[in-house]
N, C-alpha and C. Protein backbone atom coordinates (compact mmCIF):
# COMPACT_ATOMS: atom_id res chain seq x y z
N ALA A 1 103.30 146.53 84.68
CA ALA A 1 103.02 147.88 85.19
C ALA A 1 103.60 148.94 84.27
N ASN A 2 104.72 148.58 83.60
CA ASN A 2 105.37 149.53 82.71
C ASN A 2 105.07 149.25 81.24
N ASN A 3 103.93 148.58 80.98
CA ASN A 3 103.58 148.24 79.61
C ASN A 3 103.48 149.49 78.74
N TRP A 4 103.04 150.59 79.32
CA TRP A 4 102.89 151.83 78.56
C TRP A 4 104.22 152.32 77.99
N LEU A 5 105.34 151.93 78.66
CA LEU A 5 106.65 152.41 78.24
C LEU A 5 107.04 151.91 76.86
N GLN A 6 106.61 150.68 76.52
CA GLN A 6 106.98 150.16 75.20
C GLN A 6 106.37 151.01 74.09
N PHE A 7 105.15 151.48 74.32
CA PHE A 7 104.49 152.33 73.33
C PHE A 7 105.09 153.73 73.33
N ALA A 8 105.42 154.22 74.52
CA ALA A 8 106.05 155.54 74.62
C ALA A 8 107.39 155.53 73.90
N LEU A 9 108.16 154.45 74.08
CA LEU A 9 109.47 154.35 73.44
C LEU A 9 109.34 154.36 71.93
N SER A 10 108.43 153.55 71.41
CA SER A 10 108.21 153.50 69.96
C SER A 10 107.80 154.86 69.42
N ASN A 11 106.90 155.51 70.14
CA ASN A 11 106.40 156.81 69.70
C ASN A 11 107.48 157.88 69.76
N LEU A 12 108.31 157.84 70.81
CA LEU A 12 109.39 158.82 70.96
C LEU A 12 110.44 158.68 69.86
N ILE A 13 110.77 157.44 69.51
CA ILE A 13 111.75 157.22 68.44
C ILE A 13 111.22 157.79 67.13
N GLU A 14 109.93 157.53 66.85
CA GLU A 14 109.32 158.09 65.63
C GLU A 14 109.38 159.62 65.67
N TYR A 15 109.01 160.20 66.80
CA TYR A 15 108.96 161.66 66.94
C TYR A 15 110.35 162.26 66.74
N ASP A 16 111.34 161.64 67.36
CA ASP A 16 112.71 162.14 67.28
C ASP A 16 113.24 162.06 65.85
N LEU A 17 113.05 160.92 65.20
CA LEU A 17 113.55 160.74 63.83
C LEU A 17 112.78 161.59 62.82
N SER A 18 111.57 161.96 63.16
CA SER A 18 110.75 162.76 62.23
C SER A 18 111.25 164.19 62.10
N GLN A 19 112.26 164.55 62.87
CA GLN A 19 112.88 165.86 62.68
C GLN A 19 113.57 165.94 61.31
N ASP A 20 113.90 164.77 60.78
CA ASP A 20 114.50 164.69 59.45
C ASP A 20 113.38 164.41 58.45
N ILE A 21 113.03 165.39 57.64
CA ILE A 21 111.88 165.29 56.74
C ILE A 21 112.08 164.20 55.68
N PHE A 22 113.31 163.77 55.48
CA PHE A 22 113.58 162.76 54.46
C PHE A 22 113.42 161.33 54.99
N LEU A 23 113.19 161.20 56.30
CA LEU A 23 112.96 159.88 56.88
C LEU A 23 111.46 159.64 57.02
N ASP A 24 111.00 158.49 56.60
CA ASP A 24 109.59 158.12 56.73
C ASP A 24 109.51 157.01 57.79
N VAL A 25 109.29 157.43 59.03
CA VAL A 25 109.30 156.50 60.16
C VAL A 25 107.93 156.46 60.80
N GLN A 26 107.49 155.27 61.17
CA GLN A 26 106.19 155.13 61.84
C GLN A 26 106.33 154.19 63.04
N SER A 27 105.75 154.59 64.14
CA SER A 27 105.84 153.78 65.35
C SER A 27 104.82 152.64 65.30
N ALA A 28 104.96 151.71 66.22
CA ALA A 28 104.05 150.56 66.30
C ALA A 28 102.61 151.00 66.52
N LEU A 29 102.43 152.18 67.11
CA LEU A 29 101.07 152.67 67.38
C LEU A 29 100.27 152.88 66.10
N ASN A 30 100.96 153.09 64.99
CA ASN A 30 100.27 153.26 63.71
C ASN A 30 99.67 151.96 63.20
N TYR A 31 100.13 150.84 63.76
CA TYR A 31 99.69 149.52 63.29
C TYR A 31 99.00 148.72 64.38
N ILE A 32 98.56 149.42 65.42
CA ILE A 32 98.02 148.72 66.58
C ILE A 32 96.74 147.94 66.24
N THR A 33 95.97 148.42 65.28
CA THR A 33 94.76 147.70 64.87
C THR A 33 95.11 146.35 64.26
N LYS A 34 96.11 146.34 63.40
CA LYS A 34 96.56 145.09 62.78
C LYS A 34 97.09 144.13 63.83
N ILE A 35 97.83 144.67 64.77
CA ILE A 35 98.41 143.85 65.84
C ILE A 35 97.30 143.26 66.71
N SER A 36 96.32 144.09 67.06
CA SER A 36 95.19 143.63 67.89
C SER A 36 94.35 142.60 67.16
N ASN A 37 94.10 142.84 65.88
CA ASN A 37 93.30 141.91 65.09
C ASN A 37 93.97 140.55 64.93
N ALA A 38 95.30 140.54 65.08
CA ALA A 38 96.04 139.28 64.97
C ALA A 38 96.02 138.51 66.29
N GLY A 39 95.36 139.09 67.29
CA GLY A 39 95.21 138.38 68.56
C GLY A 39 96.06 138.91 69.69
N PHE A 40 96.82 139.96 69.43
CA PHE A 40 97.68 140.53 70.47
C PHE A 40 97.04 141.83 70.94
N VAL A 41 96.00 141.66 71.76
CA VAL A 41 95.08 142.74 72.10
C VAL A 41 95.77 143.94 72.73
N GLU A 42 96.75 143.69 73.58
CA GLU A 42 97.43 144.80 74.24
C GLU A 42 98.73 145.18 73.52
N GLY A 43 98.94 144.57 72.36
CA GLY A 43 100.12 144.92 71.57
C GLY A 43 101.41 144.32 72.06
N THR A 44 101.34 143.45 73.06
CA THR A 44 102.56 142.85 73.60
C THR A 44 102.74 141.43 73.06
N GLY A 45 104.00 141.00 73.05
CA GLY A 45 104.29 139.64 72.61
C GLY A 45 104.11 139.40 71.12
N THR A 46 104.17 140.47 70.34
CA THR A 46 104.01 140.34 68.89
C THR A 46 105.16 139.52 68.30
N PRO A 47 104.85 138.43 67.59
CA PRO A 47 105.92 137.59 67.04
C PRO A 47 106.69 138.26 65.90
N PHE A 48 107.90 137.82 65.71
CA PHE A 48 108.79 138.39 64.70
C PHE A 48 108.16 138.39 63.31
N GLN A 49 107.56 137.25 62.93
CA GLN A 49 107.00 137.14 61.58
C GLN A 49 105.87 138.14 61.34
N LEU A 50 105.10 138.44 62.37
CA LEU A 50 104.02 139.42 62.22
C LEU A 50 104.61 140.82 62.04
N LYS A 51 105.63 141.13 62.81
CA LYS A 51 106.31 142.44 62.66
C LYS A 51 106.85 142.59 61.23
N LYS A 52 107.47 141.53 60.75
CA LYS A 52 108.04 141.53 59.41
C LYS A 52 106.94 141.71 58.36
N LYS A 53 105.83 141.01 58.54
CA LYS A 53 104.71 141.09 57.60
C LYS A 53 104.12 142.51 57.57
N ILE A 54 103.93 143.10 58.73
CA ILE A 54 103.38 144.45 58.82
C ILE A 54 104.31 145.45 58.14
N ALA A 55 105.61 145.29 58.36
CA ALA A 55 106.59 146.19 57.74
C ALA A 55 106.56 146.07 56.22
N GLN A 56 106.44 144.84 55.73
CA GLN A 56 106.38 144.62 54.28
C GLN A 56 105.13 145.25 53.69
N GLU A 57 103.99 145.04 54.35
CA GLU A 57 102.72 145.58 53.85
C GLU A 57 102.71 147.10 53.87
N ALA A 58 103.50 147.69 54.77
CA ALA A 58 103.58 149.16 54.86
C ALA A 58 104.67 149.72 53.96
N TYR A 59 105.31 148.83 53.18
CA TYR A 59 106.39 149.23 52.25
C TYR A 59 107.55 149.89 52.99
N LYS A 60 107.87 149.35 54.16
CA LYS A 60 109.02 149.83 54.92
C LYS A 60 110.21 148.91 54.64
N ASN A 61 111.34 149.48 54.35
CA ASN A 61 112.53 148.68 54.05
C ASN A 61 113.10 148.00 55.29
N LEU A 62 112.93 148.67 56.44
CA LEU A 62 113.52 148.19 57.68
C LEU A 62 112.50 148.27 58.81
N PHE A 63 112.73 147.46 59.84
CA PHE A 63 111.92 147.64 61.05
C PHE A 63 112.80 147.42 62.28
N LEU A 64 112.48 148.20 63.31
CA LEU A 64 113.25 148.20 64.56
C LEU A 64 112.42 147.55 65.65
N THR A 65 113.01 146.62 66.36
CA THR A 65 112.31 145.97 67.46
C THR A 65 113.27 145.87 68.64
N GLY A 66 112.79 145.34 69.75
CA GLY A 66 113.68 145.24 70.91
C GLY A 66 112.93 144.99 72.20
N SER A 67 113.61 145.26 73.30
CA SER A 67 113.03 145.04 74.63
C SER A 67 113.65 146.04 75.61
N PHE A 68 113.04 146.17 76.78
CA PHE A 68 113.58 147.08 77.78
C PHE A 68 113.31 146.54 79.18
N SER A 69 114.06 147.03 80.12
CA SER A 69 113.83 146.70 81.53
C SER A 69 114.35 147.86 82.36
N LEU A 70 113.96 147.90 83.62
CA LEU A 70 114.41 148.94 84.54
C LEU A 70 115.21 148.24 85.63
N GLN A 71 116.50 148.55 85.72
CA GLN A 71 117.39 147.89 86.67
C GLN A 71 118.20 148.92 87.45
N ASN A 72 118.01 148.91 88.77
CA ASN A 72 118.75 149.82 89.65
C ASN A 72 118.64 151.28 89.20
N GLY A 73 117.44 151.66 88.75
CA GLY A 73 117.22 153.04 88.33
C GLY A 73 117.66 153.36 86.93
N ASN A 74 118.19 152.36 86.22
CA ASN A 74 118.64 152.55 84.84
C ASN A 74 117.67 151.89 83.87
N TYR A 75 117.42 152.57 82.77
CA TYR A 75 116.63 151.98 81.68
C TYR A 75 117.59 151.19 80.80
N ILE A 76 117.36 149.89 80.71
CA ILE A 76 118.18 149.03 79.85
C ILE A 76 117.35 148.72 78.61
N ILE A 77 117.82 149.19 77.47
CA ILE A 77 117.06 149.03 76.23
C ILE A 77 117.91 148.30 75.19
N ASP A 78 117.38 147.21 74.68
CA ASP A 78 118.04 146.45 73.61
C ASP A 78 117.26 146.67 72.32
N THR A 79 117.96 147.00 71.25
CA THR A 79 117.29 147.20 69.95
C THR A 79 117.91 146.30 68.89
N GLU A 80 117.08 145.93 67.92
CA GLU A 80 117.54 145.16 66.78
C GLU A 80 116.89 145.72 65.52
N LEU A 81 117.69 145.95 64.51
CA LEU A 81 117.22 146.48 63.24
C LEU A 81 117.27 145.36 62.19
N PHE A 82 116.13 145.19 61.48
CA PHE A 82 116.03 144.10 60.51
C PHE A 82 115.64 144.59 59.13
N ASP A 83 116.07 143.85 58.13
CA ASP A 83 115.63 144.05 56.76
C ASP A 83 114.23 143.44 56.63
N SER A 84 113.28 144.22 56.12
CA SER A 84 111.88 143.76 56.06
C SER A 84 111.66 142.63 55.07
N GLN A 85 112.46 142.56 54.04
CA GLN A 85 112.26 141.53 53.01
C GLN A 85 112.92 140.21 53.40
N THR A 86 114.14 140.27 53.85
CA THR A 86 114.88 139.05 54.14
C THR A 86 114.79 138.61 55.60
N GLY A 87 114.45 139.55 56.48
CA GLY A 87 114.43 139.24 57.91
C GLY A 87 115.83 139.21 58.51
N LYS A 88 116.82 139.61 57.74
CA LYS A 88 118.20 139.59 58.20
C LYS A 88 118.45 140.74 59.18
N GLN A 89 119.15 140.41 60.28
CA GLN A 89 119.50 141.45 61.24
C GLN A 89 120.60 142.34 60.68
N ILE A 90 120.38 143.64 60.76
CA ILE A 90 121.35 144.60 60.25
C ILE A 90 122.23 145.14 61.37
N ALA A 91 121.64 145.34 62.54
CA ALA A 91 122.40 145.88 63.66
C ALA A 91 121.68 145.59 64.97
N SER A 92 122.42 145.62 66.05
CA SER A 92 121.83 145.50 67.39
C SER A 92 122.63 146.36 68.36
N HIS A 93 121.94 146.90 69.35
CA HIS A 93 122.59 147.78 70.33
C HIS A 93 121.94 147.58 71.70
N GLN A 94 122.71 147.93 72.73
CA GLN A 94 122.15 147.98 74.08
C GLN A 94 122.48 149.34 74.68
N TYR A 95 121.50 149.92 75.35
CA TYR A 95 121.64 151.23 75.98
C TYR A 95 121.33 151.11 77.46
N SER A 96 122.07 151.83 78.27
CA SER A 96 121.83 151.88 79.71
C SER A 96 121.89 153.34 80.14
N GLU A 97 120.73 153.88 80.50
CA GLU A 97 120.65 155.31 80.83
C GLU A 97 119.69 155.54 82.00
N LYS A 98 120.05 156.44 82.87
CA LYS A 98 119.11 156.85 83.92
C LYS A 98 118.06 157.78 83.33
N ASP A 99 118.45 158.53 82.30
CA ASP A 99 117.56 159.47 81.62
C ASP A 99 116.96 158.77 80.39
N PHE A 100 115.68 158.49 80.45
CA PHE A 100 115.00 157.77 79.38
C PHE A 100 115.12 158.51 78.04
N MET A 101 115.01 159.83 78.10
CA MET A 101 115.06 160.63 76.87
C MET A 101 116.44 160.58 76.21
N LYS A 102 117.49 160.53 77.01
CA LYS A 102 118.83 160.42 76.45
C LYS A 102 119.02 159.09 75.73
N ALA A 103 118.39 158.05 76.25
CA ALA A 103 118.46 156.74 75.59
C ALA A 103 117.80 156.82 74.22
N VAL A 104 116.67 157.51 74.14
CA VAL A 104 115.97 157.68 72.86
C VAL A 104 116.85 158.43 71.87
N ASP A 105 117.50 159.49 72.33
CA ASP A 105 118.39 160.26 71.46
C ASP A 105 119.50 159.37 70.89
N ALA A 106 120.06 158.52 71.74
CA ALA A 106 121.14 157.63 71.30
C ALA A 106 120.63 156.60 70.30
N ILE A 107 119.43 156.07 70.54
CA ILE A 107 118.83 155.10 69.62
C ILE A 107 118.65 155.73 68.24
N SER A 108 118.17 156.97 68.22
CA SER A 108 117.93 157.66 66.94
C SER A 108 119.22 157.87 66.15
N VAL A 109 120.27 158.26 66.85
CA VAL A 109 121.56 158.47 66.17
C VAL A 109 122.07 157.17 65.57
N ASP A 110 122.02 156.09 66.35
CA ASP A 110 122.50 154.80 65.85
C ASP A 110 121.63 154.30 64.70
N PHE A 111 120.34 154.57 64.76
CA PHE A 111 119.43 154.15 63.69
C PHE A 111 119.86 154.77 62.37
N LYS A 112 120.16 156.06 62.39
CA LYS A 112 120.58 156.76 61.17
C LYS A 112 121.89 156.17 60.63
N ILE A 113 122.80 155.92 61.53
CA ILE A 113 124.09 155.36 61.11
C ILE A 113 123.89 153.96 60.52
N ASP A 114 123.06 153.15 61.20
CA ASP A 114 122.81 151.78 60.74
C ASP A 114 122.08 151.74 59.40
N CYS A 115 121.36 152.81 59.10
CA CYS A 115 120.64 152.90 57.81
C CYS A 115 121.54 153.44 56.69
N ASP A 116 122.82 153.63 57.02
CA ASP A 116 123.80 154.12 56.04
C ASP A 116 123.47 155.51 55.51
N ILE A 117 122.84 156.32 56.37
CA ILE A 117 122.59 157.71 56.00
C ILE A 117 123.94 158.44 56.04
N PRO A 118 124.27 159.19 55.00
CA PRO A 118 125.58 159.86 54.95
C PRO A 118 125.84 160.73 56.18
N GLU A 119 127.06 160.66 56.66
CA GLU A 119 127.45 161.43 57.85
C GLU A 119 127.22 162.92 57.65
N LYS A 120 127.45 163.41 56.43
CA LYS A 120 127.26 164.83 56.13
C LYS A 120 125.79 165.22 56.34
N HIS A 121 124.88 164.36 55.87
CA HIS A 121 123.45 164.65 56.04
C HIS A 121 123.08 164.65 57.52
N ILE A 122 123.59 163.68 58.27
CA ILE A 122 123.28 163.58 59.69
C ILE A 122 123.77 164.84 60.42
N SER A 123 124.98 165.26 60.11
CA SER A 123 125.56 166.41 60.81
C SER A 123 124.88 167.73 60.45
N GLU A 124 124.29 167.80 59.25
CA GLU A 124 123.67 169.05 58.80
C GLU A 124 122.17 169.12 59.06
N THR A 125 121.59 168.02 59.55
CA THR A 125 120.15 167.98 59.80
C THR A 125 119.86 168.36 61.25
N VAL A 126 118.83 169.17 61.46
CA VAL A 126 118.42 169.55 62.81
C VAL A 126 118.05 168.29 63.60
N ASP A 127 118.63 168.16 64.79
CA ASP A 127 118.33 167.01 65.63
C ASP A 127 118.37 167.45 67.09
N LEU A 128 117.29 168.09 67.51
CA LEU A 128 117.20 168.57 68.89
C LEU A 128 116.95 167.39 69.83
N PRO A 129 117.38 167.48 71.08
CA PRO A 129 117.09 166.41 72.04
C PRO A 129 115.58 166.19 72.15
N VAL A 130 115.16 164.93 72.16
CA VAL A 130 113.72 164.65 72.16
C VAL A 130 113.05 165.18 73.42
N GLY A 131 113.81 165.26 74.52
CA GLY A 131 113.25 165.81 75.75
C GLY A 131 112.93 167.29 75.64
N GLU A 132 113.59 167.97 74.69
CA GLU A 132 113.34 169.40 74.48
C GLU A 132 112.12 169.64 73.60
N ILE A 133 111.86 168.75 72.66
CA ILE A 133 110.77 168.99 71.71
C ILE A 133 109.51 168.20 72.06
N TYR A 134 109.64 167.17 72.90
CA TYR A 134 108.46 166.38 73.29
C TYR A 134 108.13 166.72 74.75
N THR A 135 108.69 165.98 75.67
CA THR A 135 108.58 166.32 77.09
C THR A 135 109.76 165.70 77.81
N SER A 136 110.23 166.37 78.85
CA SER A 136 111.31 165.81 79.66
C SER A 136 110.74 165.20 80.94
N SER A 137 109.42 165.26 81.08
CA SER A 137 108.75 164.76 82.28
C SER A 137 108.25 163.33 82.06
N ILE A 138 108.77 162.39 82.82
CA ILE A 138 108.33 161.00 82.71
C ILE A 138 106.88 160.86 83.13
N SER A 139 106.45 161.62 84.13
CA SER A 139 105.06 161.52 84.58
C SER A 139 104.11 162.04 83.49
N ALA A 140 104.50 163.12 82.81
CA ALA A 140 103.67 163.65 81.71
C ALA A 140 103.65 162.67 80.55
N LEU A 141 104.79 162.06 80.27
CA LEU A 141 104.88 161.06 79.21
C LEU A 141 103.97 159.87 79.52
N GLU A 142 103.98 159.44 80.77
CA GLU A 142 103.14 158.31 81.17
C GLU A 142 101.66 158.65 81.02
N SER A 143 101.25 159.80 81.52
CA SER A 143 99.84 160.19 81.43
C SER A 143 99.37 160.31 79.99
N PHE A 144 100.20 160.95 79.16
CA PHE A 144 99.82 161.16 77.76
C PHE A 144 99.73 159.83 77.02
N THR A 145 100.71 158.96 77.23
CA THR A 145 100.71 157.66 76.55
C THR A 145 99.53 156.81 77.00
N LYS A 146 99.27 156.78 78.29
CA LYS A 146 98.15 156.00 78.81
C LYS A 146 96.82 156.54 78.29
N GLY A 147 96.75 157.85 78.13
CA GLY A 147 95.53 158.46 77.58
C GLY A 147 95.29 158.00 76.16
N TYR A 148 96.37 157.99 75.37
CA TYR A 148 96.26 157.54 73.98
C TYR A 148 95.84 156.08 73.92
N LEU A 149 96.41 155.26 74.80
CA LEU A 149 96.10 153.84 74.81
C LEU A 149 94.65 153.58 75.23
N GLU A 150 94.13 154.43 76.11
CA GLU A 150 92.72 154.30 76.51
C GLU A 150 91.81 154.45 75.29
N ILE A 151 92.18 155.37 74.42
CA ILE A 151 91.39 155.61 73.21
C ILE A 151 91.58 154.48 72.20
N VAL A 152 92.82 154.08 71.97
CA VAL A 152 93.13 153.07 70.96
C VAL A 152 92.58 151.70 71.33
N PHE A 153 92.81 151.27 72.58
CA PHE A 153 92.44 149.92 72.97
C PHE A 153 91.00 149.79 73.49
N LYS A 154 90.51 150.87 74.13
CA LYS A 154 89.20 150.76 74.78
C LYS A 154 88.15 151.72 74.21
N ASN A 155 88.57 152.57 73.27
CA ASN A 155 87.68 153.60 72.73
C ASN A 155 87.10 154.46 73.85
N ASN A 156 87.90 154.63 74.89
CA ASN A 156 87.47 155.38 76.07
C ASN A 156 87.96 156.83 75.95
N TRP A 157 87.23 157.61 75.18
CA TRP A 157 87.64 158.99 74.93
C TRP A 157 87.63 159.87 76.18
N PRO A 158 86.61 159.77 77.05
CA PRO A 158 86.62 160.62 78.26
C PRO A 158 87.87 160.41 79.11
N GLU A 159 88.27 159.14 79.30
CA GLU A 159 89.46 158.86 80.10
C GLU A 159 90.72 159.29 79.35
N GLY A 160 90.71 159.11 78.04
CA GLY A 160 91.85 159.52 77.23
C GLY A 160 92.09 161.01 77.31
N VAL A 161 91.02 161.80 77.21
CA VAL A 161 91.12 163.26 77.30
C VAL A 161 91.55 163.67 78.71
N LYS A 162 90.99 162.99 79.71
CA LYS A 162 91.33 163.29 81.11
C LYS A 162 92.82 163.10 81.37
N LEU A 163 93.37 162.01 80.85
CA LEU A 163 94.80 161.73 81.04
C LEU A 163 95.67 162.69 80.23
N THR A 164 95.18 163.11 79.07
CA THR A 164 95.92 164.09 78.27
C THR A 164 95.97 165.43 79.02
N GLU A 165 94.85 165.82 79.60
CA GLU A 165 94.82 167.05 80.39
C GLU A 165 95.74 166.94 81.61
N LYS A 166 95.81 165.76 82.20
CA LYS A 166 96.71 165.52 83.34
C LYS A 166 98.16 165.71 82.90
N SER A 167 98.49 165.22 81.69
CA SER A 167 99.87 165.36 81.20
C SER A 167 100.24 166.84 81.03
N LEU A 168 99.25 167.66 80.68
CA LEU A 168 99.52 169.09 80.48
C LEU A 168 99.69 169.82 81.81
N LYS A 169 99.08 169.30 82.85
CA LYS A 169 99.31 169.88 84.18
C LYS A 169 100.71 169.52 84.66
N GLU A 170 101.16 168.32 84.29
CA GLU A 170 102.49 167.86 84.69
C GLU A 170 103.59 168.53 83.87
N ASP A 171 103.27 168.90 82.64
CA ASP A 171 104.22 169.62 81.78
C ASP A 171 103.43 170.57 80.88
N PRO A 172 103.21 171.81 81.33
CA PRO A 172 102.44 172.78 80.54
C PRO A 172 103.05 173.09 79.18
N GLY A 173 104.33 172.77 78.98
CA GLY A 173 104.98 173.05 77.70
C GLY A 173 105.00 171.86 76.76
N PHE A 174 104.19 170.86 77.04
CA PHE A 174 104.14 169.63 76.25
C PHE A 174 103.33 169.90 74.98
N THR A 175 104.01 170.38 73.95
CA THR A 175 103.35 170.86 72.73
C THR A 175 102.56 169.76 72.02
N ALA A 176 103.12 168.56 71.91
CA ALA A 176 102.43 167.47 71.23
C ALA A 176 101.13 167.12 71.95
N ALA A 177 101.12 167.22 73.27
CA ALA A 177 99.91 166.94 74.05
C ALA A 177 98.89 168.06 73.85
N HIS A 178 99.36 169.30 73.73
CA HIS A 178 98.45 170.42 73.45
C HIS A 178 97.75 170.21 72.11
N LEU A 179 98.51 169.78 71.12
CA LEU A 179 97.93 169.54 69.80
C LEU A 179 96.92 168.41 69.85
N ALA A 180 97.25 167.34 70.57
CA ALA A 180 96.33 166.20 70.70
C ALA A 180 95.06 166.64 71.42
N ALA A 181 95.21 167.43 72.48
CA ALA A 181 94.04 167.91 73.23
C ALA A 181 93.16 168.78 72.34
N ALA A 182 93.77 169.66 71.56
CA ALA A 182 93.01 170.52 70.65
C ALA A 182 92.21 169.69 69.66
N GLN A 183 92.82 168.61 69.14
CA GLN A 183 92.10 167.73 68.21
C GLN A 183 90.94 167.04 68.89
N PHE A 184 91.14 166.57 70.12
CA PHE A 184 90.07 165.93 70.88
C PHE A 184 88.89 166.89 71.02
N TYR A 185 89.20 168.12 71.43
CA TYR A 185 88.14 169.10 71.67
C TYR A 185 87.41 169.48 70.37
N PHE A 186 88.18 169.71 69.32
CA PHE A 186 87.56 170.05 68.04
C PHE A 186 86.64 168.93 67.55
N ASN A 187 87.10 167.70 67.69
CA ASN A 187 86.31 166.54 67.23
C ASN A 187 85.03 166.37 68.02
N ASN A 188 84.99 166.95 69.22
CA ASN A 188 83.79 166.84 70.06
C ASN A 188 83.05 168.18 70.16
N ASN A 189 83.31 169.04 69.16
CA ASN A 189 82.59 170.32 69.05
C ASN A 189 82.77 171.23 70.26
N HIS A 190 83.99 171.22 70.83
CA HIS A 190 84.30 172.12 71.95
C HIS A 190 85.43 173.06 71.51
N SER A 191 85.15 173.80 70.44
CA SER A 191 86.19 174.64 69.85
C SER A 191 86.69 175.72 70.82
N GLU A 192 85.81 176.19 71.70
CA GLU A 192 86.22 177.25 72.63
C GLU A 192 87.26 176.73 73.63
N ILE A 193 87.17 175.44 73.97
CA ILE A 193 88.15 174.83 74.88
C ILE A 193 89.42 174.50 74.11
N ALA A 194 89.25 174.18 72.83
CA ALA A 194 90.38 173.75 72.00
C ALA A 194 91.35 174.90 71.71
N LEU A 195 90.83 176.11 71.59
CA LEU A 195 91.65 177.22 71.11
C LEU A 195 92.92 177.49 71.92
N PRO A 196 92.87 177.52 73.27
CA PRO A 196 94.11 177.78 74.02
C PRO A 196 95.19 176.74 73.74
N SER A 197 94.81 175.46 73.69
CA SER A 197 95.80 174.41 73.41
C SER A 197 96.31 174.52 71.98
N PHE A 198 95.41 174.84 71.07
CA PHE A 198 95.80 174.98 69.67
C PHE A 198 96.77 176.15 69.51
N GLN A 199 96.49 177.24 70.21
CA GLN A 199 97.37 178.41 70.14
C GLN A 199 98.75 178.08 70.70
N MET A 200 98.75 177.28 71.79
CA MET A 200 100.03 176.88 72.37
C MET A 200 100.85 176.06 71.38
N ALA A 201 100.18 175.18 70.64
CA ALA A 201 100.87 174.38 69.61
C ALA A 201 101.42 175.29 68.51
N LEU A 202 100.62 176.27 68.09
CA LEU A 202 101.07 177.21 67.06
C LEU A 202 102.27 178.04 67.52
N ASP A 203 102.26 178.43 68.79
CA ASP A 203 103.34 179.26 69.33
C ASP A 203 104.65 178.48 69.48
N ASN A 204 104.54 177.15 69.45
CA ASN A 204 105.73 176.31 69.65
C ASN A 204 105.88 175.31 68.51
N LEU A 205 105.65 175.77 67.29
CA LEU A 205 105.71 174.88 66.13
C LEU A 205 107.05 174.15 66.00
N TYR A 206 108.12 174.82 66.44
CA TYR A 206 109.45 174.22 66.29
C TYR A 206 109.58 172.90 67.06
N LYS A 207 108.68 172.69 68.04
CA LYS A 207 108.72 171.46 68.83
C LYS A 207 108.00 170.30 68.13
N LEU A 208 107.36 170.59 67.01
CA LEU A 208 106.63 169.56 66.28
C LEU A 208 107.43 169.11 65.06
N PRO A 209 107.38 167.82 64.72
CA PRO A 209 108.01 167.36 63.47
C PRO A 209 107.39 168.10 62.28
N TYR A 210 108.15 168.18 61.18
CA TYR A 210 107.72 168.97 60.03
C TYR A 210 106.30 168.61 59.57
N ARG A 211 105.99 167.34 59.50
CA ARG A 211 104.66 166.94 58.99
C ARG A 211 103.56 167.43 59.91
N GLN A 212 103.81 167.41 61.23
CA GLN A 212 102.81 167.91 62.17
C GLN A 212 102.73 169.43 62.13
N GLN A 213 103.84 170.08 61.79
CA GLN A 213 103.80 171.53 61.62
C GLN A 213 102.86 171.90 60.48
N PHE A 214 102.97 171.18 59.37
CA PHE A 214 102.10 171.44 58.22
C PHE A 214 100.65 171.20 58.58
N PHE A 215 100.40 170.09 59.32
CA PHE A 215 99.05 169.74 59.74
C PHE A 215 98.46 170.82 60.64
N THR A 216 99.27 171.33 61.56
CA THR A 216 98.81 172.36 62.51
C THR A 216 98.46 173.64 61.78
N LYS A 217 99.31 174.02 60.83
CA LYS A 217 99.03 175.23 60.02
C LYS A 217 97.77 175.04 59.19
N TYR A 218 97.57 173.82 58.70
CA TYR A 218 96.38 173.51 57.90
C TYR A 218 95.12 173.68 58.74
N LEU A 219 95.17 173.18 59.98
CA LEU A 219 94.01 173.32 60.88
C LEU A 219 93.70 174.79 61.14
N TYR A 220 94.78 175.58 61.25
CA TYR A 220 94.62 177.01 61.53
C TYR A 220 93.91 177.70 60.36
């Protein structure tokens, strides 16, 4: 029932870490086609060797994997960081948080430390709470993620757009969802519907990672 959460978690970690322009991080959603083609249609149960192979082919030095569960209202998240070439474990952590977004923030901080990023760089780099720049609403996060998965797994664009619109009703300040909605509308020649969402994204550029800020300005 909570399968969507694994994708949301991966995507949130990427989004949070992307505040640092010097980090090149990509979530599992970027490789979902490769994962599906390997026989893991819903992206679950991906074996370690496949994760390692995908990371190597993407020229990533490291890859982060893990698991999660919901216990007594707490999100229990276990993470493991591996070297893509050797498969050697570099670090592992467990997080227990009632606030899902706070768990993501903690994962991001530990990831930077585990990657031996200098403390001076970490302290001087903008790192806003992910709940402030993405969404603090779990219901909006669920709707948006499920909408994306409808498109990726089923090519069901009408349902994907419907769920994205639902996420915006649940959190009108969800800038990343506004940008996604604007792209959906533009791609389907509904520019008049796209403009309000696009304007909202432009008005809140600070909530977007640097690369998406450039992309949004380019579209403008």
